[in-house]
Amino acid sequence: MLTVGNRLPEFDLQATVDIEKPSTAFARITHESHPGKWRVIFAWPKDFTFICPTEIAAFGKLEREFADRDTQILGLSTDSEFVHLAWRQNHDDLRDLPFPMLADVKRELSQALGILDEKEGVCLRATFIVDPEGVIQHVSVNGLDVGRNPQETLRILDALQTDELCPCNWQKGDDTIQVA
């Protein structure tokens, strides 16, 4: 699995970005998309499941806060863009998602990141925070049965963006550690 200090692998994937019109439903997203921005890439095992939409919707509700921090959210699974589209059209909590859902059907990005569950062949619940230079600054991975906390991802992003020493449970606006 890639970790802190590794570069985000190159990728070029189809993504579901809209559900209103077939002509604008899909877009290509690459490792070069969103230049100069931080990126939060979070992966889930499968569309049309139970834990996944709770996480995806929670990231969607925080999108404005991530955007205020010059950060692009990118969702990722091994389902196709058509499955993503159908899921969004049929799940009220996912209809208005403000971020792309990447379709890694060939499992190239998932494999390069090292997040494919060997037994199931699907993505683990992995979250990567990538800086504007394409370097991974944070990684967390949950088992398939445990959802993650997008608010914690936002807190970690805030800490990383201070470029200072942040103590345990640090929150944006708290004092950082000053070394004399």
Protein backbone atom coordinates (compact mmCIF):
# COMPACT_ATOMS: atom_id res chain seq x y z
CA MET A 1 0.00 0.00 0.00
CA LEU A 2 1.22 3.48 -0.79
CA THR A 3 1.87 5.64 2.23
CA VAL A 4 2.88 9.11 3.35
CA GLY A 5 5.64 10.52 1.14
CA ASN A 6 4.73 8.44 -1.92
CA ARG A 7 3.49 10.14 -5.06
CA LEU A 8 -0.08 9.69 -6.18
CA PRO A 9 0.03 7.25 -9.13
CA GLU A 10 -0.87 8.44 -12.60
CA PHE A 11 -4.46 7.67 -13.55
CA ASP A 12 -7.02 8.49 -16.21
CA LEU A 13 -10.53 7.37 -15.28
CA GLN A 14 -14.09 7.97 -16.32
CA ALA A 15 -16.16 9.56 -13.57
CA THR A 16 -19.80 10.21 -12.88
CA VAL A 17 -20.22 13.93 -12.28
CA ASP A 18 -23.90 14.70 -12.94
CA ILE A 19 -27.22 12.88 -13.09
CA GLU A 20 -29.39 15.44 -14.85
CA LYS A 21 -28.41 14.99 -18.51
CA PRO A 22 -26.76 12.02 -20.24
CA SER A 23 -24.54 14.43 -22.20
CA THR A 24 -22.96 15.80 -18.99
CA ALA A 25 -23.15 12.73 -16.74
CA PHE A 26 -19.54 11.64 -17.29
CA ALA A 27 -16.10 13.24 -17.43
CA ARG A 28 -12.50 12.06 -17.59
CA ILE A 29 -10.53 12.74 -14.42
CA THR A 30 -6.76 12.27 -14.31
CA HIS A 31 -3.95 12.66 -11.82
CA GLU A 32 -3.38 16.07 -13.46
CA SER A 33 -6.94 17.29 -12.95
CA HIS A 34 -7.37 19.96 -10.28
CA PRO A 35 -3.84 21.44 -10.50
CA GLY A 36 -2.63 23.33 -7.45
CA LYS A 37 -5.30 21.80 -5.21
CA TRP A 38 -5.16 19.39 -2.33
CA ARG A 39 -7.11 16.21 -3.05
CA VAL A 40 -8.97 13.83 -0.79
CA ILE A 41 -9.42 10.50 -2.53
CA PHE A 42 -11.62 8.08 -0.69
CA ALA A 43 -12.48 4.57 -1.82
CA TRP A 44 -15.38 2.30 -0.96
CA PRO A 45 -16.00 -1.39 -1.73
CA LYS A 46 -19.20 -1.46 -3.82
CA ASP A 47 -22.09 0.66 -5.00
CA PHE A 48 -25.61 -0.33 -3.93
CA THR A 49 -24.44 -1.40 -0.48
CA PHE A 50 -25.20 -0.22 3.03
CA ILE A 51 -22.27 1.51 4.74
CA CYS A 52 -20.90 3.16 1.60
CA PRO A 53 -23.73 5.64 0.98
CA THR A 54 -23.50 6.91 4.57
CA GLU A 55 -19.84 7.81 4.02
CA ILE A 56 -20.32 9.21 0.53
CA ALA A 57 -23.23 11.40 1.63
CA ALA A 58 -21.22 12.62 4.65
CA PHE A 59 -18.32 13.66 2.38
CA GLY A 60 -20.87 15.38 0.13
CA LYS A 61 -22.27 17.40 3.04
CA LEU A 62 -18.73 18.60 3.87
CA GLU A 63 -17.75 19.41 0.27
CA ARG A 64 -18.06 23.18 0.75
CA GLU A 65 -15.72 23.01 3.76
CA PHE A 66 -13.18 21.01 1.76
CA ALA A 67 -13.52 23.46 -1.16
CA ASP A 68 -12.91 26.36 1.25
CA ARG A 69 -9.58 24.66 1.99
CA ASP A 70 -8.71 24.49 -1.73
CA THR A 71 -9.34 20.73 -1.73
CA GLN A 72 -11.07 18.54 -4.30
CA ILE A 73 -12.88 15.42 -3.11
CA LEU A 74 -12.72 12.39 -5.40
CA GLY A 75 -14.70 9.24 -4.65
CA LEU A 76 -13.44 5.89 -5.99
CA SER A 77 -14.69 2.35 -6.43
CA THR A 78 -14.25 -0.44 -8.94
CA ASP A 79 -17.82 -0.05 -10.18
CA SER A 80 -18.41 1.44 -13.63
CA GLU A 81 -19.52 4.99 -14.27
CA PHE A 82 -22.90 3.58 -15.34
CA VAL A 83 -23.35 1.79 -12.01
CA HIS A 84 -22.35 5.01 -10.20
CA LEU A 85 -24.95 6.91 -12.26
CA ALA A 86 -27.71 4.39 -11.54
CA TRP A 87 -26.89 4.40 -7.83
CA ARG A 88 -26.96 8.19 -7.66
CA GLN A 89 -30.25 8.30 -9.56
CA ASN A 90 -31.82 5.75 -7.20
CA HIS A 91 -30.47 6.82 -3.81
CA ASP A 92 -31.84 10.07 -2.40
CA ASP A 93 -28.72 10.76 -0.31
CA LEU A 94 -26.47 10.55 -3.40
CA ARG A 95 -28.50 12.45 -6.01
CA ASP A 96 -26.84 15.83 -5.50
CA LEU A 97 -23.25 14.80 -4.82
CA PRO A 98 -20.90 17.71 -5.53
CA PHE A 99 -17.82 15.61 -6.37
CA PRO A 100 -16.84 13.05 -9.03
CA MET A 101 -17.24 9.32 -8.49
CA LEU A 102 -14.27 7.67 -10.21
CA ALA A 103 -14.87 4.37 -12.01
CA ASP A 104 -11.80 2.16 -11.62
CA VAL A 105 -13.24 -0.82 -13.52
CA LYS A 106 -9.82 -2.14 -14.54
CA ARG A 107 -8.68 -1.76 -10.90
CA GLU A 108 -5.53 0.03 -12.07
CA LEU A 109 -5.62 2.92 -9.59
CA SER A 110 -6.86 0.72 -6.73
CA GLN A 111 -4.06 -1.74 -7.39
CA ALA A 112 -1.43 1.02 -7.71
CA LEU A 113 -2.59 2.47 -4.38
CA GLY A 114 -2.49 -1.02 -2.85
CA ILE A 115 -6.06 -0.90 -1.55
CA LEU A 116 -7.69 -3.92 -3.18
CA ASP A 117 -9.02 -6.42 -0.69
CA GLU A 118 -7.33 -9.68 -1.71
CA LYS A 119 -10.29 -11.89 -0.80
CA GLU A 120 -13.13 -9.76 -2.20
CA GLY A 121 -11.35 -7.98 -5.09
CA VAL A 122 -12.90 -4.63 -4.15
CA CYS A 123 -11.47 -1.46 -2.64
CA LEU A 124 -10.89 -1.24 1.07
CA ARG A 125 -12.32 1.85 2.80
CA ALA A 126 -9.16 3.86 2.17
CA THR A 127 -8.70 7.62 2.40
CA PHE A 128 -5.73 9.51 0.96
CA ILE A 129 -4.96 13.19 1.47
CA VAL A 130 -2.70 14.36 -1.36
CA ASP A 131 -0.94 17.74 -1.38
CA PRO A 132 -0.90 20.07 -4.42
CA GLU A 133 2.44 18.58 -5.54
CA GLY A 134 0.90 15.09 -5.77
CA VAL A 135 2.53 13.72 -2.61
CA ILE A 136 0.45 11.61 -0.24
CA GLN A 137 0.36 13.28 3.19
CA HIS A 138 -2.13 11.02 4.99
CA VAL A 139 -3.54 7.52 4.59
CA SER A 140 -6.18 5.72 6.60
CA VAL A 141 -7.83 2.38 5.91
CA ASN A 142 -10.84 0.76 7.53
CA GLY A 143 -12.01 -2.81 7.19
CA LEU A 144 -14.94 -3.46 4.90
CA ASP A 145 -17.47 -3.47 7.78
CA VAL A 146 -16.54 -0.14 9.42
CA GLY A 147 -17.35 3.29 8.03
CA ARG A 148 -14.93 6.20 8.28
CA ASN A 149 -15.41 9.70 9.71
CA PRO A 150 -15.20 12.43 7.02
CA GLN A 151 -15.10 15.09 9.75
CA GLU A 152 -11.83 13.53 10.97
CA THR A 153 -10.48 13.70 7.41
CA LEU A 154 -11.28 17.42 7.40
CA ARG A 155 -9.54 17.85 10.77
CA ILE A 156 -6.42 16.10 9.50
CA LEU A 157 -6.44 18.22 6.34
CA ASP A 158 -6.63 21.35 8.51
CA ALA A 159 -3.65 20.16 10.54
CA LEU A 160 -1.62 19.32 7.43
CA GLN A 161 -2.33 22.73 5.95
CA THR A 162 -0.90 24.52 9.01
CA ASP A 163 2.54 23.11 8.16
CA GLU A 164 3.15 23.17 11.93
CA LEU A 165 3.22 20.68 14.79
CA CYS A 166 -0.35 19.82 15.82
CA PRO A 167 -1.01 17.94 19.07
CA CYS A 168 -3.46 15.11 19.64
CA ASN A 169 -7.09 16.15 19.05
CA TRP A 170 -5.98 19.49 17.57
CA GLN A 171 -8.81 21.45 15.95
CA LYS A 172 -8.62 24.34 13.48
CA GLY A 173 -7.99 27.52 15.47
CA ASP A 174 -6.26 25.71 18.35
CA ASP A 175 -2.67 26.51 19.24
CA THR A 176 0.00 24.48 17.52
CA ILE A 177 3.12 23.26 19.30
CA GLN A 178 5.95 25.76 19.30
CA VAL A 179 9.42 24.29 19.77
CA ALA A 180 11.72 26.71 21.59
